[in-house]
């Protein structure tokens, strides 16, 4: 398990969630399982699915 804070933010008025990794990378999707899979994959976030890191 990685150290640091992992966050999931909901965009009001939509089904969109944004996962924010402790390294600053972000990923947006509608599926909560996709967000958590992506977050827990640090540092190996899938290519093209994040900004930063």
PDB file of N, CA and C in Angstrom:
ATOM      1  N   UNK A   1       0.847  -1.176   0.000  1.00  0.00           N
ATOM      2  CA  UNK A   1       0.000   0.000   0.000  1.00  0.00           C
ATOM      3  C   UNK A   1       0.890   1.236   0.000  1.00  0.00           C
ATOM      4  N   UNK A   2       0.488   2.237  -0.710  1.00  0.00           N
ATOM      5  CA  UNK A   2       1.256   3.461  -0.790  1.00  0.00           C
ATOM      6  C   UNK A   2       0.924   4.381   0.369  1.00  0.00           C
ATOM      7  N   UNK A   3       1.888   5.213   0.733  1.00  0.00           N
ATOM      8  CA  UNK A   3       1.644   6.207   1.779  1.00  0.00           C
ATOM      9  C   UNK A   3       1.047   7.452   1.136  1.00  0.00           C
ATOM     10  N   UNK A   4       0.296   8.204   1.889  1.00  0.00           N
ATOM     11  CA  UNK A   4      -0.279   9.434   1.358  1.00  0.00           C
ATOM     12  C   UNK A   4      -1.780   9.348   1.257  1.00  0.00           C
ATOM     13  N   UNK A   5      -2.363  10.443   0.845  1.00  0.00           N
ATOM     14  CA  UNK A   5      -3.815  10.559   0.783  1.00  0.00           C
ATOM     15  C   UNK A   5      -4.325  10.327  -0.632  1.00  0.00           C
ATOM     16  N   UNK A   6      -5.336   9.496  -0.747  1.00  0.00           N
ATOM     17  CA  UNK A   6      -6.044   9.266  -2.004  1.00  0.00           C
ATOM     18  C   UNK A   6      -7.427   9.875  -1.842  1.00  0.00           C
ATOM     19  N   UNK A   7      -7.899  10.592  -2.865  1.00  0.00           N
ATOM     20  CA  UNK A   7      -9.215  11.248  -2.766  1.00  0.00           C
ATOM     21  C   UNK A   7     -10.064  10.908  -3.976  1.00  0.00           C
ATOM     22  N   UNK A   8     -11.361  10.878  -3.747  1.00  0.00           N
ATOM     23  CA  UNK A   8     -12.339  10.766  -4.824  1.00  0.00           C
ATOM     24  C   UNK A   8     -13.314  11.918  -4.638  1.00  0.00           C
ATOM     25  N   UNK A   9     -13.448  12.740  -5.666  1.00  0.00           N
ATOM     26  CA  UNK A   9     -14.366  13.874  -5.619  1.00  0.00           C
ATOM     27  C   UNK A   9     -15.489  13.657  -6.617  1.00  0.00           C
ATOM     28  N   UNK A  10     -16.697  13.970  -6.193  1.00  0.00           N
ATOM     29  CA  UNK A  10     -17.884  13.861  -7.035  1.00  0.00           C
ATOM     30  C   UNK A  10     -18.169  15.217  -7.643  1.00  0.00           C
ATOM     31  N   UNK A  11     -18.534  15.252  -8.916  1.00  0.00           N
ATOM     32  CA  UNK A  11     -18.926  16.486  -9.598  1.00  0.00           C
ATOM     33  C   UNK A  11     -20.445  16.620  -9.477  1.00  0.00           C
ATOM     34  N   UNK A  12     -20.938  17.558  -8.645  1.00  0.00           N
ATOM     35  CA  UNK A  12     -22.374  17.713  -8.445  1.00  0.00           C
ATOM     36  C   UNK A  12     -23.128  17.893  -9.761  1.00  0.00           C
ATOM     37  N   UNK A  13     -24.276  17.265  -9.846  1.00  0.00           N
ATOM     38  CA  UNK A  13     -25.102  17.350 -11.044  1.00  0.00           C
ATOM     39  C   UNK A  13     -24.704  16.381 -12.131  1.00  0.00           C
ATOM     40  N   UNK A  14     -23.777  15.472 -11.818  1.00  0.00           N
ATOM     41  CA  UNK A  14     -23.335  14.498 -12.824  1.00  0.00           C
ATOM     42  C   UNK A  14     -23.010  13.178 -12.138  1.00  0.00           C
ATOM     43  N   UNK A  15     -22.635  12.199 -12.938  1.00  0.00           N
ATOM     44  CA  UNK A  15     -22.185  10.911 -12.416  1.00  0.00           C
ATOM     45  C   UNK A  15     -20.658  10.822 -12.436  1.00  0.00           C
ATOM     46  N   UNK A  16     -19.982  11.921 -12.684  1.00  0.00           N
ATOM     47  CA  UNK A  16     -18.528  11.934 -12.839  1.00  0.00           C
ATOM     48  C   UNK A  16     -17.822  11.982 -11.487  1.00  0.00           C
ATOM     49  N   UNK A  17     -16.803  11.152 -11.356  1.00  0.00           N
ATOM     50  CA  UNK A  17     -15.943  11.121 -10.185  1.00  0.00           C
ATOM     51  C   UNK A  17     -14.519  11.415 -10.640  1.00  0.00           C
ATOM     52  N   UNK A  18     -13.773  12.120  -9.816  1.00  0.00           N
ATOM     53  CA  UNK A  18     -12.372  12.384 -10.108  1.00  0.00           C
ATOM     54  C   UNK A  18     -11.541  11.799  -8.988  1.00  0.00           C
ATOM     55  N   UNK A  19     -10.650  10.884  -9.350  1.00  0.00           N
ATOM     56  CA  UNK A  19      -9.707  10.314  -8.393  1.00  0.00           C
ATOM     57  C   UNK A  19      -8.453  11.155  -8.409  1.00  0.00           C
ATOM     58  N   UNK A  20      -7.958  11.493  -7.220  1.00  0.00           N
ATOM     59  CA  UNK A  20      -6.751  12.294  -7.094  1.00  0.00           C
ATOM     60  C   UNK A  20      -5.754  11.506  -6.254  1.00  0.00           C
ATOM     61  N   UNK A  21      -4.653  11.141  -6.882  1.00  0.00           N
ATOM     62  CA  UNK A  21      -3.609  10.351  -6.243  1.00  0.00           C
ATOM     63  C   UNK A  21      -2.752  11.255  -5.364  1.00  0.00           C
ATOM     64  N   UNK A  22      -2.085  10.675  -4.390  1.00  0.00           N
ATOM     65  CA  UNK A  22      -1.206  11.458  -3.520  1.00  0.00           C
ATOM     66  C   UNK A  22      -0.056  12.093  -4.290  1.00  0.00           C
ATOM     67  N   UNK A  23       0.242  11.602  -5.496  1.00  0.00           N
ATOM     68  CA  UNK A  23       1.314  12.171  -6.314  1.00  0.00           C
ATOM     69  C   UNK A  23       0.822  13.359  -7.149  1.00  0.00           C
ATOM     70  N   UNK A  24      -0.498  13.615  -7.109  1.00  0.00           N
ATOM     71  CA  UNK A  24      -1.057  14.744  -7.847  1.00  0.00           C
ATOM     72  C   UNK A  24      -1.728  14.350  -9.154  1.00  0.00           C
ATOM     73  N   UNK A  25      -1.564  13.118  -9.601  1.00  0.00           N
ATOM     74  CA  UNK A  25      -2.211  12.662 -10.832  1.00  0.00           C
ATOM     75  C   UNK A  25      -3.718  12.582 -10.623  1.00  0.00           C
ATOM     76  N   UNK A  26      -4.486  12.825 -11.689  1.00  0.00           N
ATOM     77  CA  UNK A  26      -5.944  12.790 -11.617  1.00  0.00           C
ATOM     78  C   UNK A  26      -6.509  11.946 -12.743  1.00  0.00           C
ATOM     79  N   UNK A  27      -7.643  11.321 -12.461  1.00  0.00           N
ATOM     80  CA  UNK A  27      -8.352  10.516 -13.456  1.00  0.00           C
ATOM     81  C   UNK A  27      -9.845  10.691 -13.212  1.00  0.00           C
ATOM     82  N   UNK A  28     -10.614  10.910 -14.268  1.00  0.00           N
ATOM     83  CA  UNK A  28     -12.058  11.112 -14.156  1.00  0.00           C
ATOM     84  C   UNK A  28     -12.794   9.984 -14.862  1.00  0.00           C
ATOM     85  N   UNK A  29     -13.834   9.467 -14.209  1.00  0.00           N
ATOM     86  CA  UNK A  29     -14.655   8.393 -14.776  1.00  0.00           C
ATOM     87  C   UNK A  29     -15.993   8.379 -14.047  1.00  0.00           C
ATOM     88  N   UNK A  30     -16.933   7.593 -14.549  1.00  0.00           N
ATOM     89  CA  UNK A  30     -18.239   7.443 -13.903  1.00  0.00           C
ATOM     90  C   UNK A  30     -18.305   6.203 -13.017  1.00  0.00           C
ATOM     91  N   UNK A  31     -17.388   5.268 -13.200  1.00  0.00           N
ATOM     92  CA  UNK A  31     -17.402   4.007 -12.464  1.00  0.00           C
ATOM     93  C   UNK A  31     -16.488   4.085 -11.235  1.00  0.00           C
ATOM     94  N   UNK A  32     -17.049   3.985 -10.014  1.00  0.00           N
ATOM     95  CA  UNK A  32     -16.223   4.055  -8.807  1.00  0.00           C
ATOM     96  C   UNK A  32     -15.136   2.982  -8.766  1.00  0.00           C
ATOM     97  N   UNK A  33     -15.433   1.781  -9.261  1.00  0.00           N
ATOM     98  CA  UNK A  33     -14.427   0.718  -9.265  1.00  0.00           C
ATOM     99  C   UNK A  33     -13.248   1.089 -10.159  1.00  0.00           C
ATOM    100  N   UNK A  34     -13.513   1.733 -11.285  1.00  0.00           N
ATOM    101  CA  UNK A  34     -12.443   2.175 -12.182  1.00  0.00           C
ATOM    102  C   UNK A  34     -11.555   3.201 -11.485  1.00  0.00           C
ATOM    103  N   UNK A  35     -12.172   4.139 -10.772  1.00  0.00           N
ATOM    104  CA  UNK A  35     -11.411   5.169 -10.052  1.00  0.00           C
ATOM    105  C   UNK A  35     -10.504   4.529  -9.013  1.00  0.00           C
ATOM    106  N   UNK A  36     -11.043   3.623  -8.185  1.00  0.00           N
ATOM    107  CA  UNK A  36     -10.233   3.017  -7.129  1.00  0.00           C
ATOM    108  C   UNK A  36      -9.157   2.093  -7.688  1.00  0.00           C
ATOM    109  N   UNK A  37      -9.446   1.378  -8.756  1.00  0.00           N
ATOM    110  CA  UNK A  37      -8.421   0.541  -9.393  1.00  0.00           C
ATOM    111  C   UNK A  37      -7.273   1.408  -9.870  1.00  0.00           C
ATOM    112  N   UNK A  38      -7.609   2.538 -10.475  1.00  0.00           N
ATOM    113  CA  UNK A  38      -6.593   3.460 -10.967  1.00  0.00           C
ATOM    114  C   UNK A  38      -5.776   4.034  -9.807  1.00  0.00           C
ATOM    115  N   UNK A  39      -6.451   4.491  -8.753  1.00  0.00           N
ATOM    116  CA  UNK A  39      -5.747   5.070  -7.612  1.00  0.00           C
ATOM    117  C   UNK A  39      -4.797   4.072  -6.956  1.00  0.00           C
ATOM    118  N   UNK A  40      -5.241   2.858  -6.770  1.00  0.00           N
ATOM    119  CA  UNK A  40      -4.433   1.857  -6.085  1.00  0.00           C
ATOM    120  C   UNK A  40      -3.310   1.307  -6.956  1.00  0.00           C
ATOM    121  N   UNK A  41      -3.286   1.661  -8.236  1.00  0.00           N
ATOM    122  CA  UNK A  41      -2.232   1.207  -9.145  1.00  0.00           C
ATOM    123  C   UNK A  41      -0.966   2.058  -9.055  1.00  0.00           C
ATOM    124  N   UNK A  42      -0.956   3.096  -8.224  1.00  0.00           N
ATOM    125  CA  UNK A  42       0.229   3.971  -8.114  1.00  0.00           C
ATOM    126  C   UNK A  42       1.456   3.148  -7.773  1.00  0.00           C
ATOM    127  N   UNK A  43       2.585   3.347  -8.407  1.00  0.00           N
ATOM    128  CA  UNK A  43       2.898   4.403  -9.378  1.00  0.00           C
ATOM    129  C   UNK A  43       2.652   3.997 -10.816  1.00  0.00           C
ATOM    130  N   UNK A  44       2.008   2.889 -11.033  1.00  0.00           N
ATOM    131  CA  UNK A  44       1.807   2.376 -12.393  1.00  0.00           C
ATOM    132  C   UNK A  44       0.438   2.730 -12.955  1.00  0.00           C
ATOM    133  N   UNK A  45       0.045   4.011 -12.854  1.00  0.00           N
ATOM    134  CA  UNK A  45      -1.222   4.432 -13.446  1.00  0.00           C
ATOM    135  C   UNK A  45      -1.190   4.107 -14.928  1.00  0.00           C
ATOM    136  N   UNK A  46      -2.300   3.614 -15.446  1.00  0.00           N
ATOM    137  CA  UNK A  46      -2.364   3.262 -16.870  1.00  0.00           C
ATOM    138  C   UNK A  46      -2.026   4.482 -17.745  1.00  0.00           C
ATOM    139  N   UNK A  47      -1.200   4.278 -18.719  1.00  0.00           N
ATOM    140  CA  UNK A  47      -0.772   5.363 -19.608  1.00  0.00           C
ATOM    141  C   UNK A  47      -1.962   6.021 -20.271  1.00  0.00           C
ATOM    142  N   UNK A  48      -1.932   7.332 -20.342  1.00  0.00           N
ATOM    143  CA  UNK A  48      -2.983   8.076 -21.017  1.00  0.00           C
ATOM    144  C   UNK A  48      -4.220   8.321 -20.182  1.00  0.00           C
ATOM    145  N   UNK A  49      -4.248   7.805 -18.965  1.00  0.00           N
ATOM    146  CA  UNK A  49      -5.441   7.978 -18.137  1.00  0.00           C
ATOM    147  C   UNK A  49      -5.223   8.965 -17.001  1.00  0.00           C
ATOM    148  N   UNK A  50      -4.107   9.691 -17.042  1.00  0.00           N
ATOM    149  CA  UNK A  50      -3.869  10.621 -15.950  1.00  0.00           C
ATOM    150  C   UNK A  50      -3.124  11.850 -16.413  1.00  0.00           C
ATOM    151  N   UNK A  51      -3.183  12.847 -15.574  1.00  0.00           N
ATOM    152  CA  UNK A  51      -2.411  14.057 -15.769  1.00  0.00           C
ATOM    153  C   UNK A  51      -1.490  14.153 -14.559  1.00  0.00           C
ATOM    154  N   UNK A  52      -0.250  14.483 -14.773  1.00  0.00           N
ATOM    155  CA  UNK A  52       0.705  14.562 -13.668  1.00  0.00           C
ATOM    156  C   UNK A  52       1.396  13.232 -13.478  1.00  0.00           C
ATOM    157  N   UNK A  53       1.909  12.992 -12.292  1.00  0.00           N
ATOM    158  CA  UNK A  53       2.593  11.776 -11.897  1.00  0.00           C
ATOM    159  C   UNK A  53       3.844  11.579 -12.683  1.00  0.00           C
TER     160      UNK A  53
END
